[in-house]
């Protein structure tokens, strides 16, 4: 727990989001409605378990009036999430040669099917 990964922002930054929501005197459901996200997603962000997309990062900054280092960190996570999505799209769009798979199990099945 507490470890920040590509898909999570970590508890300290999540606490900043929660504090900003509380300063705005918004409950979780009302903040989520204004942010146009599911309340469960907002809860996961506040716990530091998820990272926001670029769109959600922008909404968090605007709706919760985030500024300074917190806004920059949230924005950075949003950009990183979008870059990861684009990287996966590009990888999925690459043509694959028969018998060459990223999964050894799948590659074995492809070879058996080709023979």
PDB file of N, CA and C in Angstrom:
ATOM      1  N   UNK A   1       0.855  -1.176   0.000  1.00  0.00           N
ATOM      2  CA  UNK A   1       0.000   0.000   0.000  1.00  0.00           C
ATOM      3  C   UNK A   1       0.895   1.232   0.000  1.00  0.00           C
ATOM      4  N   UNK A   2       0.579   2.367  -0.271  1.00  0.00           N
ATOM      5  CA  UNK A   2       1.452   3.506  -0.220  1.00  0.00           C
ATOM      6  C   UNK A   2       2.427   3.610  -1.364  1.00  0.00           C
ATOM      7  N   UNK A   3       2.609   2.551  -2.144  1.00  0.00           N
ATOM      8  CA  UNK A   3       3.525   2.584  -3.279  1.00  0.00           C
ATOM      9  C   UNK A   3       2.811   3.218  -4.471  1.00  0.00           C
ATOM     10  N   UNK A   4       3.478   4.162  -5.129  1.00  0.00           N
ATOM     11  CA  UNK A   4       2.889   4.818  -6.284  1.00  0.00           C
ATOM     12  C   UNK A   4       3.290   4.053  -7.536  1.00  0.00           C
ATOM     13  N   UNK A   5       2.314   3.654  -8.307  1.00  0.00           N
ATOM     14  CA  UNK A   5       2.566   2.956  -9.552  1.00  0.00           C
ATOM     15  C   UNK A   5       2.036   3.805 -10.695  1.00  0.00           C
ATOM     16  N   UNK A   6       2.136   3.279 -11.926  1.00  0.00           N
ATOM     17  CA  UNK A   6       1.612   4.005 -13.083  1.00  0.00           C
ATOM     18  C   UNK A   6       0.124   4.254 -12.962  1.00  0.00           C
ATOM     19  N   UNK A   7      -0.570   3.381 -12.236  1.00  0.00           N
ATOM     20  CA  UNK A   7      -2.020   3.464 -12.162  1.00  0.00           C
ATOM     21  C   UNK A   7      -2.534   4.088 -10.879  1.00  0.00           C
ATOM     22  N   UNK A   8      -1.640   4.559 -10.020  1.00  0.00           N
ATOM     23  CA  UNK A   8      -2.059   5.122  -8.743  1.00  0.00           C
ATOM     24  C   UNK A   8      -1.254   6.377  -8.429  1.00  0.00           C
ATOM     25  N   UNK A   9      -1.875   7.280  -7.702  1.00  0.00           N
ATOM     26  CA  UNK A   9      -1.192   8.530  -7.364  1.00  0.00           C
ATOM     27  C   UNK A   9      -0.576   8.509  -5.980  1.00  0.00           C
ATOM     28  N   UNK A  10      -0.947   7.566  -5.159  1.00  0.00           N
ATOM     29  CA  UNK A  10      -0.395   7.468  -3.813  1.00  0.00           C
ATOM     30  C   UNK A  10      -1.248   8.204  -2.797  1.00  0.00           C
ATOM     31  N   UNK A  11      -1.154   7.786  -1.538  1.00  0.00           N
ATOM     32  CA  UNK A  11      -2.018   8.334  -0.501  1.00  0.00           C
ATOM     33  C   UNK A  11      -1.814   9.817  -0.211  1.00  0.00           C
ATOM     34  N   UNK A  12      -0.600  10.328  -0.329  1.00  0.00           N
ATOM     35  CA  UNK A  12      -0.368  11.742  -0.004  1.00  0.00           C
ATOM     36  C   UNK A  12      -1.088  12.660  -0.987  1.00  0.00           C
ATOM     37  N   UNK A  13      -0.978  12.364  -2.285  1.00  0.00           N
ATOM     38  CA  UNK A  13      -1.655  13.192  -3.274  1.00  0.00           C
ATOM     39  C   UNK A  13      -3.168  12.981  -3.223  1.00  0.00           C
ATOM     40  N   UNK A  14      -3.582  11.751  -2.941  1.00  0.00           N
ATOM     41  CA  UNK A  14      -5.007  11.474  -2.764  1.00  0.00           C
ATOM     42  C   UNK A  14      -5.576  12.289  -1.612  1.00  0.00           C
ATOM     43  N   UNK A  15      -4.803  12.411  -0.528  1.00  0.00           N
ATOM     44  CA  UNK A  15      -5.242  13.207   0.627  1.00  0.00           C
ATOM     45  C   UNK A  15      -5.388  14.678   0.248  1.00  0.00           C
ATOM     46  N   UNK A  16      -4.534  15.149  -0.661  1.00  0.00           N
ATOM     47  CA  UNK A  16      -4.644  16.541  -1.134  1.00  0.00           C
ATOM     48  C   UNK A  16      -5.957  16.749  -1.897  1.00  0.00           C
ATOM     49  N   UNK A  17      -6.334  15.751  -2.696  1.00  0.00           N
ATOM     50  CA  UNK A  17      -7.601  15.838  -3.430  1.00  0.00           C
ATOM     51  C   UNK A  17      -8.759  15.872  -2.440  1.00  0.00           C
ATOM     52  N   UNK A  18      -8.715  14.984  -1.441  1.00  0.00           N
ATOM     53  CA  UNK A  18      -9.781  14.962  -0.433  1.00  0.00           C
ATOM     54  C   UNK A  18      -9.847  16.289   0.322  1.00  0.00           C
ATOM     55  N   UNK A  19      -8.708  16.825   0.706  1.00  0.00           N
ATOM     56  CA  UNK A  19      -8.682  18.095   1.439  1.00  0.00           C
ATOM     57  C   UNK A  19      -9.278  19.216   0.590  1.00  0.00           C
ATOM     58  N   UNK A  20      -8.955  19.229  -0.701  1.00  0.00           N
ATOM     59  CA  UNK A  20      -9.510  20.259  -1.594  1.00  0.00           C
ATOM     60  C   UNK A  20     -11.023  20.110  -1.705  1.00  0.00           C
ATOM     61  N   UNK A  21     -11.499  18.862  -1.784  1.00  0.00           N
ATOM     62  CA  UNK A  21     -12.959  18.632  -1.840  1.00  0.00           C
ATOM     63  C   UNK A  21     -13.616  19.117  -0.562  1.00  0.00           C
ATOM     64  N   UNK A  22     -12.993  18.823   0.563  1.00  0.00           N
ATOM     65  CA  UNK A  22     -13.554  19.251   1.847  1.00  0.00           C
ATOM     66  C   UNK A  22     -13.514  20.767   1.998  1.00  0.00           C
ATOM     67  N   UNK A  23     -12.445  21.416   1.510  1.00  0.00           N
ATOM     68  CA  UNK A  23     -12.381  22.888   1.544  1.00  0.00           C
ATOM     69  C   UNK A  23     -13.505  23.497   0.705  1.00  0.00           C
ATOM     70  N   UNK A  24     -13.849  22.811  -0.380  1.00  0.00           N
ATOM     71  CA  UNK A  24     -14.947  23.276  -1.241  1.00  0.00           C
ATOM     72  C   UNK A  24     -16.309  22.936  -0.632  1.00  0.00           C
ATOM     73  N   UNK A  25     -16.290  22.276   0.520  1.00  0.00           N
ATOM     74  CA  UNK A  25     -17.506  21.874   1.234  1.00  0.00           C
ATOM     75  C   UNK A  25     -18.438  21.031   0.369  1.00  0.00           C
ATOM     76  N   UNK A  26     -17.812  20.057  -0.297  1.00  0.00           N
ATOM     77  CA  UNK A  26     -18.566  19.147  -1.152  1.00  0.00           C
ATOM     78  C   UNK A  26     -18.479  17.733  -0.601  1.00  0.00           C
ATOM     79  N   UNK A  27     -19.600  17.047  -0.594  1.00  0.00           N
ATOM     80  CA  UNK A  27     -19.600  15.629  -0.274  1.00  0.00           C
ATOM     81  C   UNK A  27     -19.051  14.856  -1.464  1.00  0.00           C
ATOM     82  N   UNK A  28     -18.759  13.593  -1.256  1.00  0.00           N
ATOM     83  CA  UNK A  28     -18.188  12.770  -2.326  1.00  0.00           C
ATOM     84  C   UNK A  28     -19.130  12.714  -3.522  1.00  0.00           C
ATOM     85  N   UNK A  29     -20.409  12.446  -3.284  1.00  0.00           N
ATOM     86  CA  UNK A  29     -21.355  12.304  -4.401  1.00  0.00           C
ATOM     87  C   UNK A  29     -21.548  13.622  -5.159  1.00  0.00           C
ATOM     88  N   UNK A  30     -21.642  14.727  -4.448  1.00  0.00           N
ATOM     89  CA  UNK A  30     -21.813  16.018  -5.124  1.00  0.00           C
ATOM     90  C   UNK A  30     -20.557  16.397  -5.900  1.00  0.00           C
ATOM     91  N   UNK A  31     -19.389  16.162  -5.316  1.00  0.00           N
ATOM     92  CA  UNK A  31     -18.140  16.453  -6.031  1.00  0.00           C
ATOM     93  C   UNK A  31     -18.041  15.583  -7.283  1.00  0.00           C
ATOM     94  N   UNK A  32     -18.365  14.309  -7.153  1.00  0.00           N
ATOM     95  CA  UNK A  32     -18.317  13.404  -8.305  1.00  0.00           C
ATOM     96  C   UNK A  32     -19.280  13.866  -9.394  1.00  0.00           C
ATOM     97  N   UNK A  33     -20.466  14.322  -8.996  1.00  0.00           N
ATOM     98  CA  UNK A  33     -21.437  14.831  -9.978  1.00  0.00           C
ATOM     99  C   UNK A  33     -20.858  16.030 -10.721  1.00  0.00           C
ATOM    100  N   UNK A  34     -20.262  16.953  -9.983  1.00  0.00           N
ATOM    101  CA  UNK A  34     -19.672  18.145 -10.615  1.00  0.00           C
ATOM    102  C   UNK A  34     -18.468  17.793 -11.481  1.00  0.00           C
ATOM    103  N   UNK A  35     -17.714  16.777 -11.048  1.00  0.00           N
ATOM    104  CA  UNK A  35     -16.549  16.332 -11.811  1.00  0.00           C
ATOM    105  C   UNK A  35     -16.948  15.487 -13.014  1.00  0.00           C
ATOM    106  N   UNK A  36     -18.199  15.003 -12.997  1.00  0.00           N
ATOM    107  CA  UNK A  36     -18.730  14.109 -14.039  1.00  0.00           C
ATOM    108  C   UNK A  36     -17.995  12.773 -14.056  1.00  0.00           C
ATOM    109  N   UNK A  37     -17.768  12.240 -12.848  1.00  0.00           N
ATOM    110  CA  UNK A  37     -17.155  10.920 -12.699  1.00  0.00           C
ATOM    111  C   UNK A  37     -17.981  10.125 -11.691  1.00  0.00           C
ATOM    112  N   UNK A  38     -17.766   8.837 -11.633  1.00  0.00           N
ATOM    113  CA  UNK A  38     -18.430   7.993 -10.644  1.00  0.00           C
ATOM    114  C   UNK A  38     -17.868   8.303  -9.251  1.00  0.00           C
ATOM    115  N   UNK A  39     -18.735   8.253  -8.245  1.00  0.00           N
ATOM    116  CA  UNK A  39     -18.243   8.553  -6.892  1.00  0.00           C
ATOM    117  C   UNK A  39     -17.219   7.520  -6.434  1.00  0.00           C
ATOM    118  N   UNK A  40     -17.347   6.275  -6.891  1.00  0.00           N
ATOM    119  CA  UNK A  40     -16.367   5.246  -6.503  1.00  0.00           C
ATOM    120  C   UNK A  40     -14.980   5.560  -7.071  1.00  0.00           C
ATOM    121  N   UNK A  41     -14.948   6.163  -8.262  1.00  0.00           N
ATOM    122  CA  UNK A  41     -13.671   6.570  -8.861  1.00  0.00           C
ATOM    123  C   UNK A  41     -13.056   7.708  -8.045  1.00  0.00           C
ATOM    124  N   UNK A  42     -13.869   8.668  -7.616  1.00  0.00           N
ATOM    125  CA  UNK A  42     -13.374   9.760  -6.780  1.00  0.00           C
ATOM    126  C   UNK A  42     -12.820   9.213  -5.466  1.00  0.00           C
ATOM    127  N   UNK A  43     -13.522   8.269  -4.868  1.00  0.00           N
ATOM    128  CA  UNK A  43     -13.041   7.662  -3.617  1.00  0.00           C
ATOM    129  C   UNK A  43     -11.688   6.991  -3.849  1.00  0.00           C
ATOM    130  N   UNK A  44     -11.547   6.263  -4.965  1.00  0.00           N
ATOM    131  CA  UNK A  44     -10.271   5.605  -5.275  1.00  0.00           C
ATOM    132  C   UNK A  44      -9.165   6.631  -5.493  1.00  0.00           C
ATOM    133  N   UNK A  45      -9.480   7.764  -6.126  1.00  0.00           N
ATOM    134  CA  UNK A  45      -8.490   8.833  -6.300  1.00  0.00           C
ATOM    135  C   UNK A  45      -8.069   9.384  -4.943  1.00  0.00           C
ATOM    136  N   UNK A  46      -9.048   9.634  -4.077  1.00  0.00           N
ATOM    137  CA  UNK A  46      -8.752  10.191  -2.755  1.00  0.00           C
ATOM    138  C   UNK A  46      -7.935   9.228  -1.891  1.00  0.00           C
ATOM    139  N   UNK A  47      -8.094   7.959  -2.115  1.00  0.00           N
ATOM    140  CA  UNK A  47      -7.296   6.961  -1.383  1.00  0.00           C
ATOM    141  C   UNK A  47      -5.929   6.765  -2.022  1.00  0.00           C
ATOM    142  N   UNK A  48      -5.724   7.348  -3.196  1.00  0.00           N
ATOM    143  CA  UNK A  48      -4.454   7.207  -3.897  1.00  0.00           C
ATOM    144  C   UNK A  48      -4.332   5.893  -4.640  1.00  0.00           C
ATOM    145  N   UNK A  49      -5.457   5.205  -4.849  1.00  0.00           N
ATOM    146  CA  UNK A  49      -5.446   3.889  -5.489  1.00  0.00           C
ATOM    147  C   UNK A  49      -5.523   3.963  -7.011  1.00  0.00           C
ATOM    148  N   UNK A  50      -5.929   5.087  -7.552  1.00  0.00           N
ATOM    149  CA  UNK A  50      -6.067   5.252  -8.999  1.00  0.00           C
ATOM    150  C   UNK A  50      -5.403   6.561  -9.403  1.00  0.00           C
ATOM    151  N   UNK A  51      -5.107   6.677 -10.685  1.00  0.00           N
ATOM    152  CA  UNK A  51      -4.562   7.924 -11.238  1.00  0.00           C
ATOM    153  C   UNK A  51      -5.601   8.491 -12.201  1.00  0.00           C
ATOM    154  N   UNK A  52      -5.726   9.799 -12.257  1.00  0.00           N
ATOM    155  CA  UNK A  52      -6.730  10.395 -13.138  1.00  0.00           C
ATOM    156  C   UNK A  52      -6.277  10.423 -14.590  1.00  0.00           C
ATOM    157  N   UNK A  53      -7.239  10.342 -15.496  1.00  0.00           N
ATOM    158  CA  UNK A  53      -6.940  10.570 -16.912  1.00  0.00           C
ATOM    159  C   UNK A  53      -6.651  12.060 -17.068  1.00  0.00           C
ATOM    160  N   UNK A  54      -6.197  12.455 -18.233  1.00  0.00           N
ATOM    161  CA  UNK A  54      -5.927  13.884 -18.464  1.00  0.00           C
ATOM    162  C   UNK A  54      -7.216  14.690 -18.306  1.00  0.00           C
ATOM    163  N   UNK A  55      -8.318  14.157 -18.819  1.00  0.00           N
ATOM    164  CA  UNK A  55      -9.605  14.862 -18.710  1.00  0.00           C
ATOM    165  C   UNK A  55     -10.011  15.022 -17.250  1.00  0.00           C
ATOM    166  N   UNK A  56      -9.914  13.920 -16.475  1.00  0.00           N
ATOM    167  CA  UNK A  56     -10.280  13.978 -15.059  1.00  0.00           C
ATOM    168  C   UNK A  56      -9.347  14.903 -14.295  1.00  0.00           C
ATOM    169  N   UNK A  57      -8.072  14.890 -14.631  1.00  0.00           N
ATOM    170  CA  UNK A  57      -7.113  15.792 -13.969  1.00  0.00           C
ATOM    171  C   UNK A  57      -7.529  17.236 -14.183  1.00  0.00           C
ATOM    172  N   UNK A  58      -7.894  17.569 -15.402  1.00  0.00           N
ATOM    173  CA  UNK A  58      -8.347  18.936 -15.692  1.00  0.00           C
ATOM    174  C   UNK A  58      -9.595  19.297 -14.919  1.00  0.00           C
ATOM    175  N   UNK A  59     -10.535  18.358 -14.826  1.00  0.00           N
ATOM    176  CA  UNK A  59     -11.770  18.601 -14.066  1.00  0.00           C
ATOM    177  C   UNK A  59     -11.443  18.786 -12.583  1.00  0.00           C
ATOM    178  N   UNK A  60     -10.554  17.953 -12.033  1.00  0.00           N
ATOM    179  CA  UNK A  60     -10.175  18.090 -10.620  1.00  0.00           C
ATOM    180  C   UNK A  60      -9.592  19.479 -10.353  1.00  0.00           C
ATOM    181  N   UNK A  61      -8.706  19.908 -11.231  1.00  0.00           N
ATOM    182  CA  UNK A  61      -8.063  21.221 -11.064  1.00  0.00           C
ATOM    183  C   UNK A  61      -9.100  22.332 -11.112  1.00  0.00           C
ATOM    184  N   UNK A  62     -10.026  22.250 -12.069  1.00  0.00           N
ATOM    185  CA  UNK A  62     -11.042  23.301 -12.215  1.00  0.00           C
ATOM    186  C   UNK A  62     -12.087  23.275 -11.096  1.00  0.00           C
ATOM    187  N   UNK A  63     -12.698  22.128 -10.887  1.00  0.00           N
ATOM    188  CA  UNK A  63     -13.823  22.023  -9.946  1.00  0.00           C
ATOM    189  C   UNK A  63     -13.376  22.210  -8.504  1.00  0.00           C
ATOM    190  N   UNK A  64     -12.225  21.642  -8.147  1.00  0.00           N
ATOM    191  CA  UNK A  64     -11.763  21.733  -6.764  1.00  0.00           C
ATOM    192  C   UNK A  64     -10.788  22.883  -6.548  1.00  0.00           C
ATOM    193  N   UNK A  65     -10.586  23.685  -7.584  1.00  0.00           N
ATOM    194  CA  UNK A  65      -9.707  24.858  -7.513  1.00  0.00           C
ATOM    195  C   UNK A  65      -8.309  24.489  -7.011  1.00  0.00           C
ATOM    196  N   UNK A  66      -7.778  23.393  -7.554  1.00  0.00           N
ATOM    197  CA  UNK A  66      -6.416  22.985  -7.185  1.00  0.00           C
ATOM    198  C   UNK A  66      -5.428  23.930  -7.846  1.00  0.00           C
ATOM    199  N   UNK A  67      -4.346  24.207  -7.151  1.00  0.00           N
ATOM    200  CA  UNK A  67      -3.306  25.070  -7.725  1.00  0.00           C
ATOM    201  C   UNK A  67      -1.952  24.690  -7.162  1.00  0.00           C
ATOM    202  N   UNK A  68      -0.932  25.314  -7.708  1.00  0.00           N
ATOM    203  CA  UNK A  68       0.431  25.079  -7.239  1.00  0.00           C
ATOM    204  C   UNK A  68       0.913  23.663  -7.500  1.00  0.00           C
ATOM    205  N   UNK A  69       1.764  23.150  -6.601  1.00  0.00           N
ATOM    206  CA  UNK A  69       2.368  21.833  -6.807  1.00  0.00           C
ATOM    207  C   UNK A  69       1.336  20.708  -6.951  1.00  0.00           C
ATOM    208  N   UNK A  70       0.245  20.782  -6.199  1.00  0.00           N
ATOM    209  CA  UNK A  70      -0.778  19.729  -6.286  1.00  0.00           C
ATOM    210  C   UNK A  70      -1.368  19.682  -7.685  1.00  0.00           C
ATOM    211  N   UNK A  71      -1.704  20.832  -8.244  1.00  0.00           N
ATOM    212  CA  UNK A  71      -2.266  20.881  -9.594  1.00  0.00           C
ATOM    213  C   UNK A  71      -1.271  20.339 -10.613  1.00  0.00           C
ATOM    214  N   UNK A  72      -0.009  20.697 -10.464  1.00  0.00           N
ATOM    215  CA  UNK A  72       1.016  20.235 -11.404  1.00  0.00           C
ATOM    216  C   UNK A  72       1.200  18.713 -11.322  1.00  0.00           C
ATOM    217  N   UNK A  73       1.174  18.173 -10.100  1.00  0.00           N
ATOM    218  CA  UNK A  73       1.314  16.726  -9.947  1.00  0.00           C
ATOM    219  C   UNK A  73       0.112  15.989 -10.543  1.00  0.00           C
ATOM    220  N   UNK A  74      -1.093  16.479 -10.273  1.00  0.00           N
ATOM    221  CA  UNK A  74      -2.305  15.851 -10.814  1.00  0.00           C
ATOM    222  C   UNK A  74      -2.268  15.896 -12.339  1.00  0.00           C
ATOM    223  N   UNK A  75      -1.904  17.033 -12.882  1.00  0.00           N
ATOM    224  CA  UNK A  75      -1.824  17.195 -14.334  1.00  0.00           C
ATOM    225  C   UNK A  75      -0.788  16.235 -14.925  1.00  0.00           C
ATOM    226  N   UNK A  76       0.334  16.083 -14.252  1.00  0.00           N
ATOM    227  CA  UNK A  76       1.379  15.176 -14.716  1.00  0.00           C
ATOM    228  C   UNK A  76       0.921  13.729 -14.736  1.00  0.00           C
ATOM    229  N   UNK A  77       0.194  13.310 -13.703  1.00  0.00           N
ATOM    230  CA  UNK A  77      -0.340  11.953 -13.696  1.00  0.00           C
ATOM    231  C   UNK A  77      -1.314  11.759 -14.841  1.00  0.00           C
ATOM    232  N   UNK A  78      -2.147  12.765 -15.103  1.00  0.00           N
ATOM    233  CA  UNK A  78      -3.093  12.676 -16.215  1.00  0.00           C
ATOM    234  C   UNK A  78      -2.392  12.483 -17.539  1.00  0.00           C
ATOM    235  N   UNK A  79      -1.323  13.238 -17.747  1.00  0.00           N
ATOM    236  CA  UNK A  79      -0.558  13.104 -19.000  1.00  0.00           C
ATOM    237  C   UNK A  79       0.080  11.726 -19.100  1.00  0.00           C
ATOM    238  N   UNK A  80       0.599  11.218 -17.975  1.00  0.00           N
ATOM    239  CA  UNK A  80       1.244   9.908 -17.978  1.00  0.00           C
ATOM    240  C   UNK A  80       0.230   8.797 -18.280  1.00  0.00           C
ATOM    241  N   UNK A  81      -0.961   8.901 -17.713  1.00  0.00           N
ATOM    242  CA  UNK A  81      -2.004   7.907 -17.981  1.00  0.00           C
ATOM    243  C   UNK A  81      -2.365   7.931 -19.463  1.00  0.00           C
ATOM    244  N   UNK A  82      -2.539   9.117 -20.031  1.00  0.00           N
ATOM    245  CA  UNK A  82      -2.883   9.229 -21.452  1.00  0.00           C
ATOM    246  C   UNK A  82      -1.761   8.676 -22.329  1.00  0.00           C
ATOM    247  N   UNK A  83      -0.517   8.917 -21.953  1.00  0.00           N
ATOM    248  CA  UNK A  83       0.612   8.398 -22.732  1.00  0.00           C
ATOM    249  C   UNK A  83       0.624   6.868 -22.691  1.00  0.00           C
ATOM    250  N   UNK A  84       0.310   6.291 -21.552  1.00  0.00           N
ATOM    251  CA  UNK A  84       0.254   4.836 -21.434  1.00  0.00           C
ATOM    252  C   UNK A  84      -0.859   4.244 -22.281  1.00  0.00           C
ATOM    253  N   UNK A  85      -2.003   4.922 -22.328  1.00  0.00           N
ATOM    254  CA  UNK A  85      -3.124   4.463 -23.152  1.00  0.00           C
ATOM    255  C   UNK A  85      -2.727   4.505 -24.617  1.00  0.00           C
ATOM    256  N   UNK A  86      -2.104   5.587 -25.036  1.00  0.00           N
ATOM    257  CA  UNK A  86      -1.684   5.725 -26.438  1.00  0.00           C
ATOM    258  C   UNK A  86      -0.644   4.664 -26.797  1.00  0.00           C
ATOM    259  N   UNK A  87       0.268   4.395 -25.885  1.00  0.00           N
ATOM    260  CA  UNK A  87       1.291   3.369 -26.131  1.00  0.00           C
ATOM    261  C   UNK A  87       0.635   1.996 -26.334  1.00  0.00           C
ATOM    262  N   UNK A  88      -0.353   1.671 -25.498  1.00  0.00           N
ATOM    263  CA  UNK A  88      -1.061   0.388 -25.643  1.00  0.00           C
ATOM    264  C   UNK A  88      -1.832   0.332 -26.959  1.00  0.00           C
ATOM    265  N   UNK A  89      -2.441   1.450 -27.366  1.00  0.00           N
ATOM    266  CA  UNK A  89      -3.159   1.490 -28.652  1.00  0.00           C
ATOM    267  C   UNK A  89      -2.209   1.225 -29.806  1.00  0.00           C
ATOM    268  N   UNK A  90      -1.052   1.868 -29.775  1.00  0.00           N
ATOM    269  CA  UNK A  90      -0.077   1.685 -30.848  1.00  0.00           C
ATOM    270  C   UNK A  90       0.431   0.255 -30.892  1.00  0.00           C
ATOM    271  N   UNK A  91       0.695  -0.334 -29.719  1.00  0.00           N
ATOM    272  CA  UNK A  91       1.150  -1.716 -29.668  1.00  0.00           C
ATOM    273  C   UNK A  91       0.089  -2.655 -30.229  1.00  0.00           C
ATOM    274  N   UNK A  92      -1.166  -2.408 -29.897  1.00  0.00           N
ATOM    275  CA  UNK A  92      -2.255  -3.263 -30.372  1.00  0.00           C
ATOM    276  C   UNK A  92      -2.460  -3.120 -31.879  1.00  0.00           C
ATOM    277  N   UNK A  93      -2.138  -1.953 -32.427  1.00  0.00           N
ATOM    278  CA  UNK A  93      -2.354  -1.713 -33.855  1.00  0.00           C
ATOM    279  C   UNK A  93      -1.237  -2.288 -34.726  1.00  0.00           C
ATOM    280  N   UNK A  94      -0.104  -2.632 -34.133  1.00  0.00           N
ATOM    281  CA  UNK A  94       1.011  -3.183 -34.920  1.00  0.00           C
ATOM    282  C   UNK A  94       0.627  -4.538 -35.484  1.00  0.00           C
ATOM    283  N   UNK A  95       0.944  -4.759 -36.753  1.00  0.00           N
ATOM    284  CA  UNK A  95       0.641  -6.079 -37.326  1.00  0.00           C
ATOM    285  C   UNK A  95       1.544  -7.139 -36.693  1.00  0.00           C
ATOM    286  N   UNK A  96       0.991  -8.287 -36.468  1.00  0.00           N
ATOM    287  CA  UNK A  96       1.754  -9.394 -35.873  1.00  0.00           C
ATOM    288  C   UNK A  96       1.997 -10.446 -36.953  1.00  0.00           C
ATOM    289  N   UNK A  97       3.198 -10.964 -36.945  1.00  0.00           N
ATOM    290  CA  UNK A  97       3.511 -12.046 -37.875  1.00  0.00           C
ATOM    291  C   UNK A  97       3.007 -13.348 -37.277  1.00  0.00           C
ATOM    292  N   UNK A  98       2.531 -14.272 -38.116  1.00  0.00           N
ATOM    293  CA  UNK A  98       2.082 -15.565 -37.598  1.00  0.00           C
ATOM    294  C   UNK A  98       3.204 -16.236 -36.814  1.00  0.00           C
ATOM    295  N   UNK A  99       2.853 -16.789 -35.679  1.00  0.00           N
ATOM    296  CA  UNK A  99       3.835 -17.490 -34.848  1.00  0.00           C
ATOM    297  C   UNK A  99       4.630 -16.584 -33.940  1.00  0.00           C
ATOM    298  N   UNK A 100       4.405 -15.264 -34.010  1.00  0.00           N
ATOM    299  CA  UNK A 100       5.105 -14.319 -33.138  1.00  0.00           C
ATOM    300  C   UNK A 100       4.077 -13.620 -32.272  1.00  0.00           C
ATOM    301  N   UNK A 101       4.065 -13.977 -31.029  1.00  0.00           N
ATOM    302  CA  UNK A 101       3.095 -13.420 -30.109  1.00  0.00           C
ATOM    303  C   UNK A 101       3.819 -12.942 -28.862  1.00  0.00           C
ATOM    304  N   UNK A 102       3.206 -12.009 -28.174  1.00  0.00           N
ATOM    305  CA  UNK A 102       3.803 -11.549 -26.927  1.00  0.00           C
ATOM    306  C   UNK A 102       3.567 -12.566 -25.819  1.00  0.00           C
ATOM    307  N   UNK A 103       2.632 -13.480 -26.027  1.00  0.00           N
ATOM    308  CA  UNK A 103       2.331 -14.501 -25.038  1.00  0.00           C
ATOM    309  C   UNK A 103       2.918 -15.834 -25.489  1.00  0.00           C
ATOM    310  N   UNK A 104       3.801 -16.463 -24.710  1.00  0.00           N
ATOM    311  CA  UNK A 104       4.377 -17.753 -25.105  1.00  0.00           C
ATOM    312  C   UNK A 104       3.298 -18.814 -25.313  1.00  0.00           C
ATOM    313  N   UNK A 105       2.271 -18.799 -24.470  1.00  0.00           N
ATOM    314  CA  UNK A 105       1.192 -19.776 -24.603  1.00  0.00           C
ATOM    315  C   UNK A 105       0.451 -19.588 -25.920  1.00  0.00           C
ATOM    316  N   UNK A 106       0.136 -18.344 -26.252  1.00  0.00           N
ATOM    317  CA  UNK A 106      -0.565 -18.038 -27.493  1.00  0.00           C
ATOM    318  C   UNK A 106       0.321 -18.357 -28.697  1.00  0.00           C
ATOM    319  N   UNK A 107       1.606 -18.070 -28.605  1.00  0.00           N
ATOM    320  CA  UNK A 107       2.522 -18.362 -29.706  1.00  0.00           C
ATOM    321  C   UNK A 107       2.555 -19.855 -29.980  1.00  0.00           C
ATOM    322  N   UNK A 108       2.547 -20.672 -28.941  1.00  0.00           N
ATOM    323  CA  UNK A 108       2.529 -22.116 -29.111  1.00  0.00           C
ATOM    324  C   UNK A 108       1.264 -22.573 -29.816  1.00  0.00           C
ATOM    325  N   UNK A 109       0.129 -21.999 -29.438  1.00  0.00           N
ATOM    326  CA  UNK A 109      -1.137 -22.351 -30.093  1.00  0.00           C
ATOM    327  C   UNK A 109      -1.115 -21.938 -31.557  1.00  0.00           C
ATOM    328  N   UNK A 110      -0.546 -20.758 -31.842  1.00  0.00           N
ATOM    329  CA  UNK A 110      -0.473 -20.291 -33.241  1.00  0.00           C
ATOM    330  C   UNK A 110       0.381 -21.231 -34.066  1.00  0.00           C
ATOM    331  N   UNK A 111       1.518 -21.692 -33.499  1.00  0.00           N
ATOM    332  CA  UNK A 111       2.401 -22.602 -34.241  1.00  0.00           C
ATOM    333  C   UNK A 111       1.694 -23.937 -34.502  1.00  0.00           C
ATOM    334  N   UNK A 112       0.992 -24.452 -33.483  1.00  0.00           N
ATOM    335  CA  UNK A 112       0.280 -25.718 -33.655  1.00  0.00           C
ATOM    336  C   UNK A 112      -0.822 -25.582 -34.690  1.00  0.00           C
ATOM    337  N   UNK A 113      -1.519 -24.448 -34.714  1.00  0.00           N
ATOM    338  CA  UNK A 113      -2.610 -24.229 -35.676  1.00  0.00           C
ATOM    339  C   UNK A 113      -2.052 -24.111 -37.095  1.00  0.00           C
ATOM    340  N   UNK A 114      -0.845 -23.562 -37.238  1.00  0.00           N
ATOM    341  CA  UNK A 114      -0.246 -23.372 -38.564  1.00  0.00           C
ATOM    342  C   UNK A 114       0.267 -24.685 -39.144  1.00  0.00           C
ATOM    343  N   UNK A 115       0.556 -25.699 -38.291  1.00  0.00           N
ATOM    344  CA  UNK A 115       1.098 -26.959 -38.816  1.00  0.00           C
ATOM    345  C   UNK A 115       0.035 -27.955 -39.188  1.00  0.00           C
TER     346      UNK A 115
END
